[in-house]
Protein backbone atom coordinates (compact mmCIF):
# COMPACT_ATOMS: atom_id res chain seq x y z
CA GLN A 1 0.00 0.00 0.00
CA GLN A 2 1.33 3.43 -0.95
CA LYS A 3 1.88 6.08 1.73
CA PRO A 4 0.00 9.39 1.52
CA ALA A 5 1.85 12.17 -0.36
CA SER A 6 2.58 13.99 2.92
CA GLN A 7 4.66 10.99 4.07
CA ARG A 8 6.56 10.37 0.84
CA ALA A 9 9.76 11.93 -0.38
CA ASP A 10 9.12 13.41 -3.80
CA ARG A 11 12.26 12.52 -5.73
CA ASP A 12 13.19 11.54 -9.23
CA CYS A 13 16.35 9.77 -10.25
CA CYS A 14 17.37 11.10 -13.65
CA LEU A 15 19.81 10.07 -16.31
CA THR A 16 20.35 10.90 -19.95
CA ILE A 17 18.82 8.43 -22.38
CA LYS A 18 18.50 8.11 -26.12
CA LYS A 19 15.30 9.25 -27.79
CA GLY A 20 12.83 6.46 -28.35
CA VAL A 21 13.26 4.74 -24.99
CA GLU A 22 9.85 3.66 -23.75
CA PRO A 23 8.61 3.59 -20.12
CA ASP A 24 8.53 0.16 -18.49
CA GLY A 25 6.86 -0.77 -15.18
CA ASN A 26 7.83 1.77 -12.50
CA ILE A 27 10.27 3.51 -14.86
CA ASN A 28 8.92 6.63 -16.56
CA VAL A 29 10.40 8.86 -19.23
CA LYS A 30 10.00 12.62 -19.04
CA ASP A 31 11.71 15.72 -20.33
CA PHE A 32 13.75 17.86 -17.98
CA ASP A 33 13.23 21.59 -18.34
CA GLY A 34 16.41 23.53 -18.87
CA GLY A 35 16.90 27.14 -17.90
CA LYS A 36 19.07 29.11 -15.50
CA PHE A 37 20.27 27.67 -12.20
CA LEU A 38 22.29 28.90 -9.26
CA VAL A 39 24.88 26.15 -8.80
CA PHE A 40 26.62 25.48 -5.49
CA ARG A 41 29.28 22.83 -5.04
CA TYR A 42 29.44 20.94 -1.75
CA LYS A 43 32.13 18.53 -0.60
CA GLY A 44 31.16 16.19 2.21
CA PRO A 45 28.72 13.50 3.30
CA TRP A 46 25.16 13.54 2.00
CA ASP A 47 23.91 13.41 5.58
CA ASN A 48 24.85 17.11 5.82
CA LEU A 49 23.10 18.28 2.65
CA TRP A 50 20.17 19.60 4.71
CA GLU A 51 22.66 22.04 6.28
CA VAL A 52 23.75 23.20 2.83
CA TYR A 53 20.13 23.93 1.87
CA ASN A 54 19.55 25.73 5.16
CA ILE A 55 22.54 28.00 4.62
CA LEU A 56 21.69 28.63 0.96
CA TYR A 57 18.10 29.64 1.61
CA ARG A 58 18.65 31.41 4.94
CA ASP A 59 21.85 33.30 4.28
CA TYR A 60 22.31 33.58 0.56
CA ILE A 61 19.36 33.25 -1.75
CA ILE A 62 16.90 35.52 0.05
CA LEU A 63 19.46 38.33 0.19
CA LEU A 64 19.94 38.70 -3.55
CA ASP A 65 17.54 40.70 -5.69
CA LYS A 66 18.94 39.81 -9.12
CA TYR A 67 16.68 36.81 -9.64
CA GLN A 68 13.59 34.94 -8.48
CA LEU A 69 13.21 31.28 -7.69
CA ARG A 70 11.60 29.36 -10.56
CA ASP A 71 8.82 26.81 -10.05
CA ALA A 72 10.93 23.81 -11.00
CA PRO A 73 12.64 21.00 -9.09
CA ILE A 74 16.00 21.50 -7.43
CA VAL A 75 18.62 19.22 -8.94
CA GLU A 76 21.42 17.47 -7.05
CA LYS A 77 24.26 16.27 -9.25
CA TYR A 78 26.52 13.70 -7.63
CA LEU A 79 29.88 14.50 -9.22
CA LYS A 80 32.20 12.37 -7.11
CA TYR A 81 30.92 9.24 -5.46
CA SER A 82 32.09 5.71 -5.06
CA GLU A 83 31.32 3.03 -2.52
CA LYS A 84 35.06 2.96 -1.88
CA MET A 85 35.26 6.70 -1.10
CA LYS A 86 34.97 8.24 2.33
CA PRO A 87 31.76 10.29 2.53
CA GLU A 88 33.72 13.44 3.41
CA ASN A 89 35.18 13.29 -0.14
CA TYR A 90 31.83 13.15 -1.98
CA VAL A 91 31.24 16.14 -4.26
CA THR A 92 27.68 17.26 -4.97
CA GLU A 93 26.31 20.20 -6.94
CA VAL A 94 23.05 21.73 -5.75
CA CYS A 95 21.33 23.42 -8.71
CA ILE A 96 18.53 25.83 -7.80
CA PRO A 97 16.26 26.95 -10.67
CA ILE A 98 16.00 30.72 -11.10
CA VAL A 99 14.76 33.47 -13.41
CA TRP A 100 16.82 36.67 -13.69
CA ASN A 101 14.95 39.89 -12.85
């Protein structure tokens, strides 16, 4: 039985595919909107990503008047990751969708 939306994490796992790939079972195909993003690079364990978001929204994003947040999903790009790596060496980009004023 599926949990109510308020108890689910709303996440998509995305990868680049060739045109013509068809959905199968729980796997869907959808286009990803492009556009402008503020991109922040974080090095460290994923357990601390919530802190990164807190700092970005609390201390950085709300203080700038050059852009507005866009109604689109935030993207996390996992640039450096391996099961053999120590989590403190992971590198993640947090991409926040924006529109310039």
